[in-house]
């Protein structure tokens, strides 16, 4: 069932309002970077092993969708983990929210595994018991990423939309669509 919670590139393109020509799906959490400021690690990206790796993780699916294989003008990432219990999913949610206290307002270098370094500034309000949202802006650009994490019973879903301008409405629709597919 978890496979269906990750939207395909056609649906993603409709949500962000731009054609998405490339996608990659994955079934294991991964992290392809290091940050200088550890408190921002779990806001730097979604679908991370530090968040999802748990003995009670029953299934995991994710997808990256972007404008083309070499163009990230519009970049969307989705991650969904289904856990054996609500408690296990709750622990994963807290690995996001508890470990990022103090990240809002910070700027850190993000060293990608491909050898490039980006600098991002983070901003986010306090989480609720089940929802967390934050943004990151790349230094010297108008490129921002809008992220949401939602805990729904035994499921932790995350959505990220990166683009110039405001991706907030798109990430809200995307996370809502993922949640609706789960029947949550």
N, C-alpha and C. Protein backbone atom coordinates (compact mmCIF):
# COMPACT_ATOMS: atom_id res chain seq x y z
N UNK A 1 0.82 -1.21 0.00
CA UNK A 1 0.00 0.00 0.00
C UNK A 1 0.85 1.26 0.00
N UNK A 2 2.04 1.20 0.61
CA UNK A 2 2.84 2.41 0.73
C UNK A 2 3.27 2.94 -0.63
N UNK A 3 3.44 2.06 -1.64
CA UNK A 3 3.87 2.51 -2.96
C UNK A 3 2.94 3.58 -3.50
N UNK A 4 1.66 3.45 -3.22
CA UNK A 4 0.68 4.36 -3.78
C UNK A 4 0.70 5.72 -3.11
N UNK A 5 1.38 5.85 -1.98
CA UNK A 5 1.44 7.14 -1.30
C UNK A 5 2.45 8.07 -1.95
N UNK A 6 3.30 7.53 -2.82
CA UNK A 6 4.27 8.35 -3.53
C UNK A 6 3.70 8.65 -4.91
N UNK A 7 3.50 9.93 -5.19
CA UNK A 7 2.88 10.34 -6.44
C UNK A 7 3.88 10.30 -7.59
N UNK A 8 3.40 9.91 -8.76
CA UNK A 8 4.21 9.88 -9.97
C UNK A 8 4.46 11.27 -10.52
N UNK A 9 5.37 11.36 -11.50
CA UNK A 9 5.79 12.67 -11.97
C UNK A 9 4.68 13.47 -12.65
N UNK A 10 3.72 12.78 -13.26
CA UNK A 10 2.60 13.50 -13.87
C UNK A 10 1.79 14.24 -12.82
N UNK A 11 1.46 13.55 -11.74
CA UNK A 11 0.72 14.17 -10.65
C UNK A 11 1.53 15.28 -9.99
N UNK A 12 2.83 15.02 -9.79
CA UNK A 12 3.70 16.03 -9.19
C UNK A 12 3.75 17.27 -10.07
N UNK A 13 3.88 17.07 -11.38
CA UNK A 13 3.90 18.20 -12.31
C UNK A 13 2.63 19.03 -12.24
N UNK A 14 1.49 18.35 -12.12
CA UNK A 14 0.22 19.07 -11.98
C UNK A 14 0.21 19.90 -10.70
N UNK A 15 0.75 19.36 -9.62
CA UNK A 15 0.74 20.06 -8.34
C UNK A 15 1.66 21.28 -8.36
N UNK A 16 2.87 21.13 -8.92
CA UNK A 16 3.81 22.27 -8.93
C UNK A 16 3.57 23.21 -10.11
N UNK A 17 2.74 22.79 -11.06
CA UNK A 17 2.42 23.66 -12.19
C UNK A 17 3.53 23.75 -13.22
N UNK A 18 4.31 22.69 -13.35
CA UNK A 18 5.40 22.67 -14.33
C UNK A 18 5.64 21.23 -14.76
N UNK A 19 6.03 21.02 -16.02
CA UNK A 19 6.32 19.65 -16.45
C UNK A 19 7.53 19.09 -15.72
N UNK A 20 7.41 17.85 -15.27
CA UNK A 20 8.50 17.16 -14.58
C UNK A 20 8.95 16.01 -15.48
N UNK A 21 10.14 16.12 -16.04
CA UNK A 21 10.58 15.17 -17.05
C UNK A 21 11.40 14.01 -16.54
N UNK A 22 11.75 14.01 -15.23
CA UNK A 22 12.63 12.97 -14.71
C UNK A 22 12.20 12.57 -13.31
N UNK A 23 12.27 11.28 -13.03
CA UNK A 23 11.99 10.83 -11.67
C UNK A 23 12.83 9.62 -11.33
N UNK A 24 13.07 9.46 -10.05
CA UNK A 24 13.80 8.31 -9.52
C UNK A 24 13.09 7.87 -8.26
N UNK A 25 12.78 6.58 -8.17
CA UNK A 25 12.13 6.07 -6.97
C UNK A 25 13.15 5.27 -6.16
N UNK A 26 12.95 5.22 -4.86
CA UNK A 26 13.87 4.51 -3.99
C UNK A 26 13.09 3.84 -2.87
N UNK A 27 13.65 2.76 -2.36
CA UNK A 27 12.95 1.97 -1.34
C UNK A 27 13.73 1.86 -0.04
N UNK A 28 14.81 2.63 0.08
CA UNK A 28 15.60 2.69 1.30
C UNK A 28 15.87 4.15 1.63
N UNK A 29 15.81 4.53 2.90
CA UNK A 29 16.21 5.89 3.27
C UNK A 29 17.69 6.10 2.92
N UNK A 30 18.05 7.33 2.53
CA UNK A 30 19.45 7.62 2.25
C UNK A 30 19.76 9.07 2.56
N UNK A 31 21.04 9.33 2.80
CA UNK A 31 21.54 10.69 3.02
C UNK A 31 22.76 10.87 2.13
N UNK A 32 22.75 11.90 1.29
CA UNK A 32 23.82 12.13 0.32
C UNK A 32 24.53 13.45 0.58
N UNK A 33 24.75 13.78 1.83
CA UNK A 33 25.38 15.05 2.20
C UNK A 33 25.84 14.99 3.65
N UNK A 34 26.61 16.04 4.02
CA UNK A 34 26.94 16.29 5.43
C UNK A 34 26.74 17.78 5.67
N UNK A 35 26.28 18.15 6.84
CA UNK A 35 26.11 19.57 7.19
C UNK A 35 27.12 19.95 8.26
N UNK A 36 27.54 21.22 8.24
CA UNK A 36 28.46 21.71 9.26
C UNK A 36 27.77 21.87 10.61
N UNK A 37 26.46 22.12 10.58
CA UNK A 37 25.69 22.35 11.80
C UNK A 37 24.76 21.15 12.02
N UNK A 38 25.14 20.20 12.88
CA UNK A 38 24.37 18.96 13.01
C UNK A 38 22.90 19.16 13.37
N UNK A 39 22.57 20.24 14.10
CA UNK A 39 21.17 20.45 14.50
C UNK A 39 20.27 20.64 13.28
N UNK A 40 20.85 20.98 12.12
CA UNK A 40 20.05 21.17 10.91
C UNK A 40 20.05 19.95 9.99
N UNK A 41 20.70 18.86 10.40
CA UNK A 41 20.78 17.69 9.52
C UNK A 41 19.41 17.20 9.07
N UNK A 42 18.47 17.06 10.00
CA UNK A 42 17.17 16.47 9.66
C UNK A 42 16.19 17.46 9.06
N UNK A 43 16.63 18.72 8.87
CA UNK A 43 15.88 19.68 8.06
C UNK A 43 16.52 19.88 6.70
N UNK A 44 17.77 19.42 6.53
CA UNK A 44 18.48 19.64 5.27
C UNK A 44 17.87 18.81 4.14
N UNK A 45 17.28 17.67 4.48
CA UNK A 45 16.64 16.83 3.47
C UNK A 45 15.60 15.96 4.17
N UNK A 46 14.87 15.20 3.38
CA UNK A 46 13.85 14.29 3.91
C UNK A 46 14.18 12.86 3.47
N UNK A 47 13.53 11.90 4.09
CA UNK A 47 13.76 10.49 3.74
C UNK A 47 15.09 9.97 4.26
N UNK A 48 15.52 10.47 5.41
CA UNK A 48 16.85 10.17 5.93
C UNK A 48 16.90 8.90 6.78
N UNK A 49 18.02 8.16 6.71
CA UNK A 49 18.18 6.99 7.58
C UNK A 49 18.06 7.34 9.06
N UNK A 50 18.61 8.48 9.47
CA UNK A 50 18.56 8.87 10.89
C UNK A 50 17.12 8.96 11.39
N UNK A 51 16.20 9.31 10.50
CA UNK A 51 14.79 9.45 10.86
C UNK A 51 14.06 8.11 10.75
N UNK A 52 14.21 7.44 9.60
CA UNK A 52 13.38 6.28 9.30
C UNK A 52 13.94 4.94 9.79
N UNK A 53 15.26 4.83 9.91
CA UNK A 53 15.82 3.53 10.29
C UNK A 53 15.39 3.16 11.70
N UNK A 54 14.64 2.09 11.81
CA UNK A 54 14.05 1.65 13.07
C UNK A 54 13.73 0.17 12.90
N UNK A 55 13.91 -0.64 13.93
CA UNK A 55 13.57 -2.07 13.80
C UNK A 55 12.11 -2.29 13.41
N UNK A 56 11.25 -1.31 13.70
CA UNK A 56 9.82 -1.46 13.40
C UNK A 56 9.40 -0.80 12.09
N UNK A 57 10.36 -0.41 11.24
CA UNK A 57 10.01 0.12 9.91
C UNK A 57 9.57 -1.06 9.04
N UNK A 58 8.30 -1.07 8.66
CA UNK A 58 7.76 -2.18 7.88
C UNK A 58 7.99 -2.00 6.39
N UNK A 59 7.86 -0.77 5.90
CA UNK A 59 8.11 -0.50 4.48
C UNK A 59 8.43 0.97 4.30
N UNK A 60 9.16 1.26 3.24
CA UNK A 60 9.59 2.62 2.95
C UNK A 60 9.58 2.81 1.45
N UNK A 61 9.11 3.96 1.01
CA UNK A 61 9.14 4.32 -0.40
C UNK A 61 9.42 5.80 -0.53
N UNK A 62 10.11 6.16 -1.58
CA UNK A 62 10.36 7.57 -1.84
C UNK A 62 10.51 7.81 -3.33
N UNK A 63 10.48 9.08 -3.69
CA UNK A 63 10.66 9.47 -5.09
C UNK A 63 11.25 10.87 -5.15
N UNK A 64 12.11 11.05 -6.14
CA UNK A 64 12.62 12.37 -6.50
C UNK A 64 12.11 12.66 -7.90
N UNK A 65 11.55 13.84 -8.09
CA UNK A 65 11.03 14.25 -9.38
C UNK A 65 11.60 15.63 -9.67
N UNK A 66 12.07 15.86 -10.90
CA UNK A 66 12.61 17.17 -11.23
C UNK A 66 12.35 17.50 -12.69
N UNK A 67 12.64 18.75 -13.06
CA UNK A 67 12.35 19.25 -14.40
C UNK A 67 12.92 18.33 -15.47
N UNK A 68 14.19 17.98 -15.36
CA UNK A 68 14.82 17.00 -16.26
C UNK A 68 15.98 16.37 -15.51
N UNK A 69 16.66 15.43 -16.14
CA UNK A 69 17.76 14.73 -15.48
C UNK A 69 18.86 15.69 -15.05
N UNK A 70 18.99 16.81 -15.76
CA UNK A 70 20.07 17.77 -15.47
C UNK A 70 19.55 19.13 -15.03
N UNK A 71 18.25 19.24 -14.78
CA UNK A 71 17.63 20.54 -14.47
C UNK A 71 16.76 20.39 -13.22
N UNK A 72 17.16 21.10 -12.15
CA UNK A 72 16.41 21.05 -10.90
C UNK A 72 15.65 22.36 -10.65
N UNK A 73 15.24 23.04 -11.72
CA UNK A 73 14.44 24.26 -11.55
C UNK A 73 13.27 23.98 -10.63
N UNK A 74 12.58 22.88 -10.90
CA UNK A 74 11.55 22.36 -9.99
C UNK A 74 12.04 21.00 -9.51
N UNK A 75 12.11 20.84 -8.19
CA UNK A 75 12.63 19.62 -7.59
C UNK A 75 11.68 19.21 -6.47
N UNK A 76 11.22 17.98 -6.51
CA UNK A 76 10.26 17.49 -5.52
C UNK A 76 10.76 16.15 -4.99
N UNK A 77 10.70 16.01 -3.68
CA UNK A 77 11.06 14.73 -3.06
C UNK A 77 9.93 14.30 -2.14
N UNK A 78 9.65 13.00 -2.14
CA UNK A 78 8.62 12.42 -1.28
C UNK A 78 9.23 11.24 -0.53
N UNK A 79 8.80 11.04 0.70
CA UNK A 79 9.25 9.88 1.48
C UNK A 79 8.09 9.43 2.37
N UNK A 80 7.86 8.12 2.40
CA UNK A 80 6.79 7.56 3.22
C UNK A 80 7.30 6.30 3.91
N UNK A 81 7.20 6.30 5.22
CA UNK A 81 7.55 5.10 5.98
C UNK A 81 6.34 4.59 6.73
N UNK A 82 6.09 3.29 6.61
CA UNK A 82 5.02 2.64 7.36
C UNK A 82 5.69 1.80 8.44
N UNK A 83 5.28 2.02 9.68
CA UNK A 83 5.89 1.34 10.81
C UNK A 83 4.95 0.29 11.38
N UNK A 84 5.51 -0.64 12.13
CA UNK A 84 4.72 -1.73 12.71
C UNK A 84 3.77 -1.23 13.79
N UNK A 85 4.05 -0.05 14.35
CA UNK A 85 3.19 0.49 15.41
C UNK A 85 3.15 2.01 15.33
N UNK A 86 2.11 2.58 15.94
CA UNK A 86 2.02 4.03 16.04
C UNK A 86 3.19 4.59 16.84
N UNK A 87 3.61 3.87 17.89
CA UNK A 87 4.73 4.33 18.72
C UNK A 87 6.01 4.45 17.91
N UNK A 88 6.28 3.48 17.05
CA UNK A 88 7.49 3.51 16.24
C UNK A 88 7.46 4.70 15.28
N UNK A 89 6.30 4.96 14.68
CA UNK A 89 6.19 6.12 13.79
C UNK A 89 6.38 7.41 14.59
N UNK A 90 5.84 7.43 15.80
CA UNK A 90 6.01 8.60 16.67
C UNK A 90 7.47 8.85 17.01
N UNK A 91 8.21 7.78 17.25
CA UNK A 91 9.65 7.94 17.52
C UNK A 91 10.35 8.54 16.31
N UNK A 92 9.99 8.10 15.11
CA UNK A 92 10.60 8.65 13.89
C UNK A 92 10.27 10.14 13.76
N UNK A 93 9.01 10.51 14.03
CA UNK A 93 8.62 11.92 13.98
C UNK A 93 9.47 12.73 14.94
N UNK A 94 9.68 12.20 16.13
CA UNK A 94 10.47 12.94 17.12
C UNK A 94 11.95 13.01 16.76
N UNK A 95 12.42 12.07 15.93
CA UNK A 95 13.81 12.19 15.45
C UNK A 95 13.94 13.36 14.48
N UNK A 96 12.84 13.80 13.90
CA UNK A 96 12.87 15.04 13.11
C UNK A 96 12.76 16.23 14.05
N UNK A 97 11.68 16.31 14.82
CA UNK A 97 11.38 17.55 15.55
C UNK A 97 12.30 17.78 16.75
N UNK A 98 12.66 16.73 17.48
CA UNK A 98 13.50 16.92 18.67
C UNK A 98 14.94 17.26 18.29
N UNK A 99 15.43 16.68 17.21
CA UNK A 99 16.83 16.86 16.84
C UNK A 99 17.08 18.12 16.02
N UNK A 100 16.02 18.86 15.67
CA UNK A 100 16.19 20.09 14.89
C UNK A 100 15.86 21.33 15.71
N UNK A 101 15.60 21.18 17.01
CA UNK A 101 15.35 22.34 17.86
C UNK A 101 16.60 23.22 17.82
N UNK A 102 16.42 24.48 17.46
CA UNK A 102 17.57 25.38 17.36
C UNK A 102 18.06 25.58 15.94
N UNK A 103 17.53 24.84 14.97
CA UNK A 103 17.96 25.02 13.58
C UNK A 103 17.35 26.27 12.96
N UNK A 104 16.09 26.59 13.32
CA UNK A 104 15.43 27.75 12.71
C UNK A 104 16.27 29.00 12.95
N UNK A 105 16.50 29.76 11.87
CA UNK A 105 17.31 30.96 11.95
C UNK A 105 18.79 30.73 11.69
N UNK A 106 19.19 29.48 11.55
CA UNK A 106 20.60 29.14 11.32
C UNK A 106 20.91 29.05 9.84
N UNK A 107 22.19 29.22 9.52
CA UNK A 107 22.71 29.02 8.17
C UNK A 107 23.85 28.03 8.26
N UNK A 108 23.87 27.06 7.35
CA UNK A 108 24.94 26.07 7.38
C UNK A 108 25.33 25.64 5.98
N UNK A 109 26.58 25.24 5.85
CA UNK A 109 27.04 24.63 4.60
C UNK A 109 26.53 23.20 4.54
N UNK A 110 26.18 22.79 3.33
CA UNK A 110 25.71 21.43 3.06
C UNK A 110 26.65 20.86 2.00
N UNK A 111 27.45 19.89 2.39
CA UNK A 111 28.46 19.30 1.51
C UNK A 111 27.86 18.06 0.85
N UNK A 112 27.54 18.16 -0.43
CA UNK A 112 26.90 17.06 -1.15
C UNK A 112 27.94 15.99 -1.50
N UNK A 113 27.47 14.74 -1.59
CA UNK A 113 28.36 13.63 -1.92
C UNK A 113 28.98 13.77 -3.31
N UNK A 114 28.40 14.61 -4.18
CA UNK A 114 28.97 14.80 -5.52
C UNK A 114 30.12 15.81 -5.52
N UNK A 115 30.48 16.32 -4.33
CA UNK A 115 31.62 17.22 -4.21
C UNK A 115 31.28 18.69 -4.16
N UNK A 116 30.03 19.05 -4.43
CA UNK A 116 29.64 20.46 -4.37
C UNK A 116 29.22 20.83 -2.95
N UNK A 117 29.33 22.11 -2.67
CA UNK A 117 28.88 22.64 -1.38
C UNK A 117 27.85 23.72 -1.63
N UNK A 118 26.75 23.65 -0.92
CA UNK A 118 25.71 24.67 -0.97
C UNK A 118 25.58 25.26 0.43
N UNK A 119 25.09 26.50 0.50
CA UNK A 119 24.85 27.14 1.79
C UNK A 119 23.36 27.45 1.89
N UNK A 120 22.75 27.00 2.98
CA UNK A 120 21.31 27.13 3.16
C UNK A 120 21.00 27.78 4.50
N UNK A 121 19.95 28.61 4.50
CA UNK A 121 19.41 29.20 5.73
C UNK A 121 18.06 28.57 6.00
N UNK A 122 17.81 28.25 7.27
CA UNK A 122 16.61 27.50 7.66
C UNK A 122 15.65 28.36 8.46
N UNK A 123 14.35 28.10 8.28
CA UNK A 123 13.33 28.81 9.03
C UNK A 123 12.14 27.88 9.24
N UNK A 124 11.64 27.82 10.45
CA UNK A 124 10.48 26.99 10.72
C UNK A 124 9.89 27.30 12.07
N UNK A 125 8.59 27.14 12.17
CA UNK A 125 7.91 27.37 13.44
C UNK A 125 7.92 26.11 14.28
N UNK A 126 7.36 26.19 15.48
CA UNK A 126 7.30 25.00 16.34
C UNK A 126 6.36 23.95 15.74
N UNK A 127 6.69 22.68 15.91
CA UNK A 127 5.82 21.63 15.40
C UNK A 127 4.59 21.45 16.28
N UNK A 128 3.56 20.85 15.71
CA UNK A 128 2.44 20.38 16.51
C UNK A 128 2.78 18.95 16.95
N UNK A 129 1.83 18.27 17.54
CA UNK A 129 2.06 16.89 17.96
C UNK A 129 2.22 15.95 16.77
N UNK A 130 1.75 16.38 15.59
CA UNK A 130 1.77 15.48 14.43
C UNK A 130 2.31 16.12 13.16
N UNK A 131 2.62 17.40 13.16
CA UNK A 131 3.01 18.09 11.93
C UNK A 131 4.18 19.03 12.17
N UNK A 132 5.07 19.07 11.19
CA UNK A 132 6.20 19.99 11.24
C UNK A 132 6.41 20.53 9.83
N UNK A 133 6.69 21.83 9.74
CA UNK A 133 6.93 22.45 8.43
C UNK A 133 8.10 23.42 8.57
N UNK A 134 8.92 23.47 7.54
CA UNK A 134 10.05 24.39 7.56
C UNK A 134 10.45 24.71 6.13
N UNK A 135 11.28 25.74 5.99
CA UNK A 135 11.83 26.11 4.69
C UNK A 135 13.34 26.23 4.81
N UNK A 136 13.98 26.10 3.66
CA UNK A 136 15.40 26.43 3.59
C UNK A 136 15.60 27.24 2.32
N UNK A 137 16.46 28.25 2.40
CA UNK A 137 16.74 29.12 1.25
C UNK A 137 18.22 29.04 0.93
N UNK A 138 18.52 28.86 -0.35
CA UNK A 138 19.92 28.79 -0.77
C UNK A 138 20.50 30.19 -0.82
N UNK A 139 21.69 30.34 -0.23
CA UNK A 139 22.34 31.65 -0.12
C UNK A 139 22.54 32.27 -1.51
N UNK A 140 22.23 33.57 -1.61
CA UNK A 140 22.46 34.31 -2.84
C UNK A 140 21.50 34.00 -3.96
N UNK A 141 20.41 33.28 -3.67
CA UNK A 141 19.44 32.93 -4.70
C UNK A 141 18.03 33.15 -4.16
N UNK A 142 17.03 33.04 -5.04
CA UNK A 142 15.64 33.06 -4.58
C UNK A 142 15.09 31.63 -4.51
N UNK A 143 15.99 30.65 -4.54
CA UNK A 143 15.59 29.24 -4.49
C UNK A 143 15.33 28.83 -3.05
N UNK A 144 14.12 28.31 -2.83
CA UNK A 144 13.74 27.84 -1.51
C UNK A 144 13.17 26.43 -1.61
N UNK A 145 13.31 25.69 -0.52
CA UNK A 145 12.67 24.38 -0.40
C UNK A 145 11.67 24.46 0.74
N UNK A 146 10.49 23.96 0.47
CA UNK A 146 9.39 23.94 1.44
C UNK A 146 9.16 22.49 1.83
N UNK A 147 9.26 22.21 3.13
CA UNK A 147 9.22 20.84 3.63
C UNK A 147 8.08 20.66 4.62
N UNK A 148 7.48 19.47 4.58
CA UNK A 148 6.48 19.10 5.58
C UNK A 148 6.73 17.67 6.03
N UNK A 149 6.54 17.44 7.31
CA UNK A 149 6.56 16.10 7.88
C UNK A 149 5.23 15.90 8.60
N UNK A 150 4.57 14.79 8.31
CA UNK A 150 3.27 14.50 8.92
C UNK A 150 3.28 13.11 9.53
N UNK A 151 2.88 13.03 10.79
CA UNK A 151 2.71 11.76 11.49
C UNK A 151 1.23 11.42 11.48
N UNK A 152 0.88 10.28 10.87
CA UNK A 152 -0.51 9.84 10.81
C UNK A 152 -0.57 8.38 11.25
N UNK A 153 -0.97 8.17 12.49
CA UNK A 153 -1.03 6.82 13.06
C UNK A 153 0.33 6.15 12.93
N UNK A 154 0.44 5.07 12.15
CA UNK A 154 1.71 4.36 12.04
C UNK A 154 2.52 4.74 10.80
N UNK A 155 2.19 5.89 10.22
CA UNK A 155 2.85 6.35 8.99
C UNK A 155 3.53 7.69 9.23
N UNK A 156 4.77 7.82 8.74
CA UNK A 156 5.45 9.11 8.70
C UNK A 156 5.67 9.45 7.24
N UNK A 157 5.06 10.57 6.81
CA UNK A 157 5.26 10.99 5.43
C UNK A 157 5.93 12.36 5.40
N UNK A 158 6.78 12.54 4.39
CA UNK A 158 7.50 13.80 4.21
C UNK A 158 7.40 14.22 2.75
N UNK A 159 7.29 15.53 2.55
CA UNK A 159 7.22 16.10 1.21
C UNK A 159 8.10 17.34 1.16
N UNK A 160 8.76 17.54 0.01
CA UNK A 160 9.63 18.70 -0.18
C UNK A 160 9.45 19.22 -1.59
N UNK A 161 9.25 20.54 -1.74
CA UNK A 161 9.17 21.20 -3.04
C UNK A 161 10.22 22.30 -3.06
N UNK A 162 11.13 22.24 -4.03
CA UNK A 162 12.18 23.26 -4.17
C UNK A 162 11.99 23.98 -5.50
N UNK A 163 12.04 25.32 -5.46
CA UNK A 163 11.88 26.13 -6.66
C UNK A 163 12.17 27.58 -6.30
N UNK A 164 12.20 28.43 -7.32
CA UNK A 164 12.22 29.86 -7.07
C UNK A 164 10.82 30.28 -6.66
N UNK A 165 10.73 31.22 -5.74
CA UNK A 165 9.42 31.69 -5.32
C UNK A 165 8.79 30.78 -4.27
N UNK A 166 7.49 30.90 -4.13
CA UNK A 166 6.78 30.26 -3.03
C UNK A 166 6.28 28.87 -3.41
N UNK A 167 6.92 27.85 -2.85
CA UNK A 167 6.46 26.48 -3.05
C UNK A 167 5.58 25.99 -1.91
N UNK A 168 5.23 26.90 -1.00
CA UNK A 168 4.42 26.52 0.15
C UNK A 168 3.08 25.90 -0.20
N UNK A 169 2.30 26.56 -1.08
CA UNK A 169 1.02 25.94 -1.46
C UNK A 169 1.19 24.58 -2.11
N UNK A 170 2.21 24.43 -2.96
CA UNK A 170 2.42 23.15 -3.65
C UNK A 170 2.77 22.04 -2.67
N UNK A 171 3.65 22.32 -1.70
CA UNK A 171 4.03 21.25 -0.77
C UNK A 171 2.85 20.87 0.12
N UNK A 172 1.99 21.82 0.41
CA UNK A 172 0.80 21.52 1.21
C UNK A 172 -0.14 20.60 0.44
N UNK A 173 -0.35 20.89 -0.85
CA UNK A 173 -1.20 20.04 -1.69
C UNK A 173 -0.56 18.66 -1.86
N UNK A 174 0.75 18.63 -2.08
CA UNK A 174 1.45 17.36 -2.26
C UNK A 174 1.33 16.48 -1.02
N UNK A 175 1.63 17.04 0.15
CA UNK A 175 1.54 16.26 1.39
C UNK A 175 0.10 15.81 1.63
N UNK A 176 -0.86 16.67 1.32
CA UNK A 176 -2.26 16.30 1.46
C UNK A 176 -2.66 15.17 0.54
N UNK A 177 -2.16 15.21 -0.70
CA UNK A 177 -2.47 14.14 -1.66
C UNK A 177 -1.85 12.82 -1.21
N UNK A 178 -0.61 12.88 -0.71
CA UNK A 178 0.04 11.66 -0.20
C UNK A 178 -0.76 11.08 0.96
N UNK A 179 -1.21 11.96 1.84
CA UNK A 179 -1.98 11.53 3.01
C UNK A 179 -3.32 10.93 2.58
N UNK A 180 -3.97 11.55 1.61
CA UNK A 180 -5.27 11.05 1.14
C UNK A 180 -5.14 9.66 0.52
N UNK A 181 -4.05 9.43 -0.21
CA UNK A 181 -3.84 8.12 -0.83
C UNK A 181 -3.71 7.05 0.25
N UNK A 182 -3.09 7.41 1.36
CA UNK A 182 -2.93 6.45 2.46
C UNK A 182 -4.25 6.18 3.17
N UNK A 183 -5.26 7.02 2.91
CA UNK A 183 -6.51 6.87 3.62
C UNK A 183 -6.42 7.38 5.04
N UNK A 184 -5.46 8.30 5.26
CA UNK A 184 -5.27 8.84 6.61
C UNK A 184 -6.09 10.11 6.74
